Protein backbone atom coordinates (compact mmCIF):
# COMPACT_ATOMS: atom_id res chain seq x y z
CA MET A 1 39.90 63.34 104.71
CA ASN A 2 38.37 63.55 101.27
CA ASN A 3 35.51 61.23 100.31
CA ASP A 4 37.87 59.12 98.18
CA GLY A 5 39.97 58.27 101.26
CA THR A 6 42.92 60.53 100.43
CA ALA A 7 44.25 63.19 102.76
CA SER A 8 42.63 66.58 102.52
CA GLU A 9 44.60 69.69 101.62
CA PRO A 10 46.61 71.29 104.44
CA GLN A 11 44.55 73.75 106.43
CA THR A 12 45.68 77.29 106.85
CA GLY A 13 47.60 77.97 110.03
CA GLY A 14 47.61 81.56 111.21
CA PRO A 15 48.58 83.15 114.50
CA THR A 16 45.67 81.65 116.46
CA ALA A 17 45.77 78.14 114.94
CA ARG A 18 46.46 75.24 117.26
CA THR A 19 48.51 72.17 116.37
CA GLY A 20 47.95 68.71 117.81
CA VAL A 21 50.83 66.46 118.80
CA TRP A 22 49.65 62.87 119.15
CA PHE A 23 52.17 60.62 120.87
CA VAL A 24 52.25 56.88 120.34
CA GLY A 25 53.56 55.90 123.75
CA ALA A 26 51.95 58.94 125.35
CA ARG A 27 52.52 57.88 128.96
CA GLY A 28 56.18 56.99 128.51
CA SER A 29 59.16 58.93 129.80
CA VAL A 30 59.89 60.78 126.55
CA ALA A 31 56.30 61.94 125.98
CA THR A 32 55.86 62.96 129.63
CA THR A 33 59.11 64.93 129.57
CA ALA A 34 58.11 66.59 126.30
CA VAL A 35 54.69 67.66 127.61
CA ALA A 36 56.10 68.93 130.89
CA GLY A 37 59.02 70.60 129.13
CA CYS A 38 56.82 72.33 126.58
CA ALA A 39 54.65 73.77 129.37
CA ALA A 40 57.72 74.86 131.34
CA VAL A 41 59.37 76.61 128.39
CA ALA A 42 56.11 78.21 127.24
CA ALA A 43 55.64 79.64 130.74
CA THR A 44 59.31 80.79 130.81
CA LEU A 45 59.97 78.59 133.84
CA HIS A 46 62.96 77.10 132.03
CA PRO A 47 64.97 78.05 128.93
CA PRO A 48 64.52 76.02 125.71
CA THR A 49 67.82 74.16 126.10
CA GLY A 50 68.31 71.59 123.35
CA MET A 51 65.55 72.96 121.10
CA VAL A 52 67.10 73.92 117.79
CA THR A 53 63.81 75.46 116.60
CA GLU A 54 64.16 78.07 119.35
CA THR A 55 67.50 79.35 117.99
CA PRO A 56 67.88 82.44 115.74
CA PRO A 57 68.16 80.54 112.40
CA PHE A 58 64.52 79.49 112.82
CA ASP A 59 63.15 82.93 113.53
CA GLY A 60 60.39 83.66 111.05
CA SER A 61 60.23 80.08 109.77
CA GLY A 62 56.59 79.79 110.81
CA VAL A 63 56.91 76.76 113.10
CA PRO A 64 53.94 76.69 115.48
CA PRO A 65 54.63 78.37 118.83
CA LEU A 66 54.92 76.13 121.86
CA THR A 67 51.84 77.78 123.34
CA SER A 68 49.77 76.50 120.40
CA LEU A 69 50.57 72.81 120.89
CA VAL A 70 47.85 70.47 122.18
CA PHE A 71 48.92 67.00 123.32
CA GLY A 72 47.22 63.64 123.26
CA GLY A 73 48.06 60.11 122.28
CA HIS A 74 47.76 56.36 122.52
CA ASP A 75 49.20 54.09 125.18
CA THR A 76 48.56 50.65 126.60
CA THR A 77 49.52 51.67 130.16
CA HIS A 78 47.34 53.49 132.67
CA CYS A 79 49.63 55.60 134.88
CA PRO A 80 48.34 59.21 134.62
CA LEU A 81 50.81 61.79 133.34
CA PRO A 82 50.89 63.81 136.60
CA LYS A 83 51.86 60.65 138.50
CA ARG A 84 54.34 59.69 135.79
CA ALA A 85 55.91 63.14 136.13
CA GLU A 86 56.26 62.56 139.88
CA HIS A 87 58.10 59.32 139.19
CA LEU A 88 60.42 61.10 136.76
CA THR A 89 61.10 63.76 139.38
CA GLU A 90 62.07 61.09 141.90
CA ALA A 91 64.41 59.61 139.28
CA GLY A 92 66.09 62.98 138.71
CA VAL A 93 64.76 63.35 135.16
CA LEU A 94 62.51 66.34 135.88
CA PRO A 95 63.64 69.13 138.22
CA HIS A 96 61.96 69.34 141.61
CA GLY A 97 58.95 71.62 141.61
CA LEU A 98 58.25 71.32 137.89
CA ALA A 99 55.59 68.60 138.04
CA PRO A 100 53.25 70.55 140.36
CA ALA A 101 53.90 73.76 138.42
CA VAL A 102 52.67 72.21 135.15
CA ARG A 103 50.14 69.78 136.63
CA ALA A 104 47.23 71.39 134.76
CA GLU A 105 48.98 70.91 131.40
CA LEU A 106 49.88 67.31 132.25
CA GLN A 107 46.31 66.58 133.31
CA ALA A 108 44.90 68.14 130.14
CA ALA A 109 47.18 65.98 128.00
CA ASP A 110 46.34 62.86 130.02
CA GLU A 111 42.64 63.41 129.39
CA GLU A 112 43.39 63.20 125.67
CA ILE A 113 45.14 59.80 125.88
CA ARG A 114 43.25 56.80 124.48
CA PRO A 115 43.90 53.04 124.85
CA GLY A 116 46.39 51.70 122.35
CA GLY A 117 46.81 48.18 121.08
CA PRO A 118 46.83 45.43 120.31
CA LEU A 119 46.22 44.58 123.96
CA PRO A 120 46.72 41.06 125.38
CA ASN A 121 44.06 38.78 123.92
CA ASP A 122 42.82 41.67 121.78
CA PRO A 123 40.17 40.27 119.41
CA ARG A 124 40.56 43.11 116.91
CA GLY A 125 42.30 42.49 113.60
CA ASP A 126 44.59 44.99 111.89
CA GLU A 127 41.84 46.78 109.99
CA GLU A 128 39.67 47.20 113.07
CA LEU A 129 42.62 48.51 115.09
CA ILE A 130 43.53 51.01 112.38
CA THR A 131 39.91 52.16 112.18
CA ASP A 132 39.72 52.65 115.95
CA PHE A 133 43.03 54.54 116.07
CA ALA A 134 41.96 56.73 113.15
CA ALA A 135 38.69 57.55 114.91
CA ASP A 136 40.65 58.65 117.99
CA LEU A 137 42.79 60.97 115.85
CA THR A 138 39.80 62.47 114.07
CA SER A 139 37.95 63.03 117.34
CA PHE A 140 41.03 64.70 118.88
CA ARG A 141 41.38 67.06 115.94
CA GLU A 142 37.72 68.00 115.84
CA ARG A 143 37.23 68.26 119.60
CA ASN A 144 40.12 70.70 119.95
CA ALA A 145 39.55 72.58 116.66
CA LEU A 146 43.09 71.82 115.51
CA ALA A 147 44.55 72.98 112.22
CA ARG A 148 46.47 69.70 111.96
CA VAL A 149 47.74 66.81 114.05
CA VAL A 150 51.26 65.38 113.89
CA VAL A 151 51.57 61.76 115.01
CA VAL A 152 54.90 61.07 116.75
CA ASN A 153 55.96 57.53 117.64
CA VAL A 154 57.95 57.51 120.89
CA SER A 155 56.92 54.02 122.04
CA SER A 156 59.30 51.21 123.00
CA THR A 157 61.37 49.65 120.22
CA GLU A 158 59.74 46.61 118.65
CA PRO A 159 61.58 43.78 116.84
CA LEU A 160 61.60 43.93 113.06
CA PRO A 161 58.72 41.87 111.63
CA ALA A 162 59.48 38.47 110.16
CA PRO A 163 59.47 38.37 106.32
CA ASP A 164 56.44 36.07 106.40
CA ALA A 165 54.53 38.03 109.06
CA VAL A 166 50.79 38.05 108.40
CA ARG A 167 49.95 41.04 110.60
CA LEU A 168 51.40 44.52 110.67
CA PRO A 169 53.59 45.43 113.66
CA PRO A 170 51.94 47.84 116.14
CA SER A 171 53.99 50.81 114.97
CA SER A 172 52.64 50.33 111.44
CA LEU A 173 49.06 50.17 112.68
CA TYR A 174 49.45 53.63 114.22
CA ALA A 175 51.23 54.90 111.10
CA ALA A 176 48.40 53.59 108.93
CA ALA A 177 45.88 55.45 111.10
CA ALA A 178 47.92 58.64 110.67
CA VAL A 179 47.89 58.27 106.90
CA ARG A 180 44.20 57.47 106.82
CA THR A 181 43.33 60.64 108.73
CA GLY A 182 45.72 62.93 106.84
CA CYS A 183 48.15 63.39 109.73
CA PRO A 184 51.88 64.01 109.16
CA TYR A 185 54.00 61.35 110.84
CA VAL A 186 57.30 61.20 112.74
CA ASN A 187 58.94 57.92 113.74
CA PHE A 188 61.36 58.65 116.58
CA THR A 189 61.97 54.91 117.11
CA PRO A 190 63.71 52.16 115.09
CA SER A 191 60.38 50.36 114.69
CA THR A 192 58.90 49.78 111.23
CA GLY A 193 56.26 52.53 111.21
CA LEU A 194 55.65 53.76 107.67
CA ARG A 195 58.41 51.66 106.17
CA THR A 196 56.26 49.09 104.46
CA PRO A 197 55.66 49.29 100.69
CA ALA A 198 51.91 49.78 101.09
CA LEU A 199 52.16 52.50 103.73
CA THR A 200 54.94 54.37 101.94
CA LYS A 201 52.77 54.40 98.81
CA ALA A 202 49.71 55.51 100.79
CA ALA A 203 51.61 58.36 102.43
CA ALA A 204 52.80 59.54 99.02
CA ALA A 205 49.27 59.38 97.61
CA GLY A 206 47.97 61.34 100.59
CA GLY A 207 50.51 64.14 100.11
CA LEU A 208 51.73 63.87 103.69
CA PRO A 209 55.16 64.91 104.98
CA HIS A 210 56.87 62.39 107.21
CA ALA A 211 60.23 61.94 108.90
CA GLY A 212 62.18 59.17 110.62
CA ARG A 213 63.52 57.04 111.96
CA ASP A 214 65.15 56.47 115.37
CA GLY A 215 66.06 59.69 117.17
CA LYS A 216 69.76 60.48 117.41
CA THR A 217 70.31 61.52 121.01
CA GLY A 218 73.68 60.28 122.30
CA GLN A 219 76.12 57.67 121.07
CA THR A 220 75.17 57.96 117.41
CA LEU A 221 75.16 61.76 117.64
CA LEU A 222 78.81 61.55 118.70
CA ARG A 223 79.58 59.03 115.95
CA ALA A 224 78.09 61.39 113.36
CA VAL A 225 80.61 64.02 114.52
CA LEU A 226 83.69 61.82 114.94
CA ALA A 227 83.42 59.61 111.84
CA PRO A 228 83.74 62.56 109.38
CA MET A 229 86.77 63.78 111.37
CA PHE A 230 88.64 60.55 110.66
CA VAL A 231 87.73 60.71 106.97
CA GLN A 232 88.72 64.37 106.62
CA ARG A 233 92.05 63.80 108.35
CA ALA A 234 92.76 60.65 106.25
CA LEU A 235 93.02 58.45 109.34
CA PRO A 236 91.76 54.93 108.54
CA VAL A 237 89.42 53.48 111.16
CA ARG A 238 90.24 49.83 111.81
CA ALA A 239 87.61 49.01 114.42
CA TRP A 240 84.77 50.77 116.22
CA SER A 241 83.12 49.02 119.15
CA GLY A 242 80.50 50.28 121.56
CA THR A 243 78.57 49.36 124.68
CA ASN A 244 75.36 50.88 126.03
CA LEU A 245 74.15 50.54 129.60
CA LEU A 246 70.59 51.69 130.23
CA GLY A 247 67.50 50.87 132.24
CA GLY A 248 63.88 51.94 132.19
CA GLY A 249 61.38 50.80 129.60
CA ASP A 250 63.87 51.24 126.77
CA GLY A 251 66.42 49.03 128.48
CA ALA A 252 63.83 46.33 129.07
CA ALA A 253 62.63 46.50 125.46
CA LEU A 254 66.17 46.35 124.07
CA ALA A 255 66.92 43.26 126.12
CA ASP A 256 65.00 41.52 123.32
CA PRO A 257 67.64 40.58 120.71
CA GLY A 258 65.26 41.43 117.87
CA ALA A 259 64.63 44.94 119.22
CA ALA A 260 68.35 45.44 119.87
CA ALA A 261 69.14 44.44 116.29
CA ALA A 262 66.67 47.03 114.98
CA LYS A 263 68.29 49.68 117.19
CA ASN A 264 71.87 48.81 116.23
CA ALA A 265 71.16 48.95 112.50
CA GLY A 266 70.89 52.74 112.69
CA LYS A 267 74.00 53.04 114.86
CA GLU A 268 76.02 51.10 112.29
CA ARG A 269 74.62 52.96 109.29
CA VAL A 270 76.32 56.26 110.11
CA LEU A 271 79.73 54.55 110.23
CA ALA A 272 79.26 52.58 107.02
CA GLU A 273 78.02 55.58 105.04
CA THR A 274 80.62 58.02 106.39
CA LEU A 275 83.68 55.77 106.43
CA GLY A 276 82.81 53.96 103.21
CA HIS A 277 83.08 50.59 104.93
CA THR A 278 81.86 48.84 108.05
CA PRO A 279 84.74 48.64 110.56
CA GLN A 280 85.26 45.68 112.84
CA GLY A 281 83.43 45.75 116.15
CA GLU A 282 79.87 45.63 117.40
CA VAL A 283 77.51 47.59 119.62
CA HIS A 284 76.26 45.83 122.73
CA ILE A 285 73.20 46.96 124.68
CA ASP A 286 72.86 45.87 128.31
CA ASP A 287 69.72 46.34 130.37
CA VAL A 288 70.64 47.62 133.84
CA PRO A 289 67.26 48.36 135.48
CA VAL A 290 68.73 50.29 138.41
CA LEU A 291 69.94 52.99 135.97
CA GLY A 292 66.37 53.93 135.10
CA ASP A 293 66.26 56.69 132.49
CA TRP A 294 70.00 57.31 132.64
CA LYS A 295 72.35 55.73 130.14
CA THR A 296 76.09 55.36 129.62
CA ALA A 297 77.63 54.71 126.22
CA TRP A 298 81.27 53.75 125.67
CA ASP A 299 83.02 53.78 122.30
CA HIS A 300 86.44 52.26 121.55
CA ILE A 301 87.89 53.39 118.21
CA ALA A 302 91.03 51.85 116.78
CA PHE A 303 92.56 53.88 113.96
CA GLU A 304 95.78 54.08 111.99
CA GLY A 305 98.17 57.01 111.96
CA PHE A 306 101.19 58.08 109.91
CA LEU A 307 103.58 55.23 109.03
CA GLY A 308 101.07 52.68 110.30
CA SER A 309 101.16 53.74 113.94
CA ARG A 310 98.28 52.20 115.91
CA MET A 311 96.14 54.66 117.86
CA ILE A 312 93.04 54.54 120.07
CA LEU A 313 90.27 57.01 120.87
CA GLN A 314 87.82 56.19 123.67
CA THR A 315 84.71 58.18 124.55
CA ILE A 316 82.16 58.05 127.38
CA TRP A 317 78.70 59.57 126.99
CA GLN A 318 76.46 59.77 130.03
CA GLY A 319 73.05 61.35 129.88
CA CYS A 320 69.35 61.24 130.64
CA ASP A 321 67.60 59.63 127.70
CA SER A 322 64.28 61.46 128.05
CA ALA A 323 65.87 64.86 128.60
CA LEU A 324 67.97 64.32 125.47
CA ALA A 325 65.00 63.15 123.39
CA ALA A 326 62.21 65.51 124.47
CA PRO A 327 63.53 68.73 122.86
CA LEU A 328 64.18 66.86 119.61
CA VAL A 329 60.63 65.48 119.63
CA LEU A 330 59.21 68.98 120.10
CA ASP A 331 61.44 70.28 117.29
CA LEU A 332 60.29 67.55 114.93
CA ALA A 333 56.59 67.98 115.71
CA ARG A 334 56.83 71.70 114.99
CA LEU A 335 58.94 71.32 111.82
CA VAL A 336 56.75 68.62 110.31
CA ALA A 337 53.59 70.56 111.19
CA ARG A 338 55.01 73.61 109.42
CA ALA A 339 56.01 71.49 106.43
CA HIS A 340 52.43 70.22 106.21
CA GLU A 341 51.08 73.76 106.40
CA ALA A 342 53.49 74.77 103.61
CA GLY A 343 52.17 71.97 101.38
CA LEU A 344 55.30 69.82 101.48
CA SER A 345 54.87 66.06 101.15
CA GLY A 346 56.82 62.84 101.25
CA PRO A 347 59.95 62.06 103.27
CA LEU A 348 61.86 65.06 104.62
CA PRO A 349 65.58 64.19 104.28
CA GLU A 350 66.48 67.67 105.56
CA LEU A 351 65.47 66.41 109.01
CA GLY A 352 68.17 63.72 108.95
CA PHE A 353 69.96 65.82 111.59
CA TYR A 354 67.60 64.27 114.14
CA PHE A 355 67.80 60.59 113.15
CA LYS A 356 70.11 57.60 113.22
CA ASP A 357 68.44 56.08 110.15
CA PRO A 358 67.09 59.02 108.13
CA ASP A 359 65.14 58.71 104.93
CA ALA A 360 68.02 60.05 102.83
CA GLY A 361 70.75 62.68 102.84
CA PRO A 362 74.27 62.86 104.31
CA ALA A 363 75.36 60.93 107.40
CA GLY A 364 77.72 63.52 108.91
CA LEU A 365 76.23 65.88 111.48
CA SER A 366 77.76 69.04 110.01
CA GLU A 367 76.28 68.37 106.56
CA GLN A 368 72.97 67.42 108.15
CA PHE A 369 72.88 70.68 110.09
CA THR A 370 73.53 72.64 106.91
CA ALA A 371 70.59 70.84 105.27
CA LEU A 372 68.41 71.64 108.29
CA LEU A 373 69.25 75.34 108.08
CA SER A 374 68.38 75.30 104.38
CA PHE A 375 65.08 73.69 105.32
CA ALA A 376 64.41 76.56 107.72
CA ASP A 377 65.01 79.00 104.83
CA ARG A 378 62.61 76.98 102.68
CA LEU A 379 59.90 77.17 105.33
CA ARG A 380 60.50 80.90 105.73
CA GLU A 381 60.11 81.45 101.99
CA ALA A 382 56.82 79.54 102.04
CA GLN A 383 55.23 82.10 104.41
């Protein structure tokens, strides 16, 4: 940081530079899977399945290598990452044998996790919390001699704040700490994060790149593919309904109607923007604890064919939420770190490929992928 409180200029990367990835929600399933997965891929124990940044179009783009990433974060829970990885193995999220093989990397990341907040009965106000979080980020960067630190929010979804709320939501406290310390920011959740007028302005003044929000891992990914198909084939969509069954921490969080509403806003946006209207139907989210990290999503699409014939398309998506999210999180951390190194600032609409509710840009997945490939060219040219 400069003495006037603004973010300092991006530091030079280089082949030996190390990049910090600071997870908000660092002991959750997504962060644990990302840390374990990064170690496994870097050691060639597993292929980089699902990581777009490891495909040929990103060769030479300058994204930091997986071996250069250093992990830390904030969390309000206390289960160590090695133990959390064991739990994920028992649940079938991580393959057997992986947790002990990458135990050293999990332990190193766990030692860099600091208490989050606000905790129950926490006496600290917003400013004190932001100051404490910022100090943790600065210490992490200096202790590990990092070129830069990307803050990535993968914590549980929080309800949208009330219009008359006096205090910032937790996600915005962490985002404010990122801005204050000159850290690029990624919001992989539907929570508010940077999307307050004051924080958006501060991020712009600090010259920081940022991306969000709400990672697109399953049902909305499929919607972003199917909705353009109906438009391109001139088939009017009459109704589009969906149901999600999931457990784990995300399922419990989304049992809160306010959190579910924040989540569904992004799911509905892709349909409204692509179809040009909001079709009838809603998305329902049901918490089924026994499912753990596994989720099932059903979609029922009613559309009209030639001469008014009524037709139906139904889809079923079943997947492991953390295994779907982790490679995207690693992609985003690397891309935003590289954007920061290249001197880019502000929202990165080219990363809309990864989000339900992106900052700007097209809603269809094909167009979003084209924009992402152009972004890779832009990063390559900035070498």
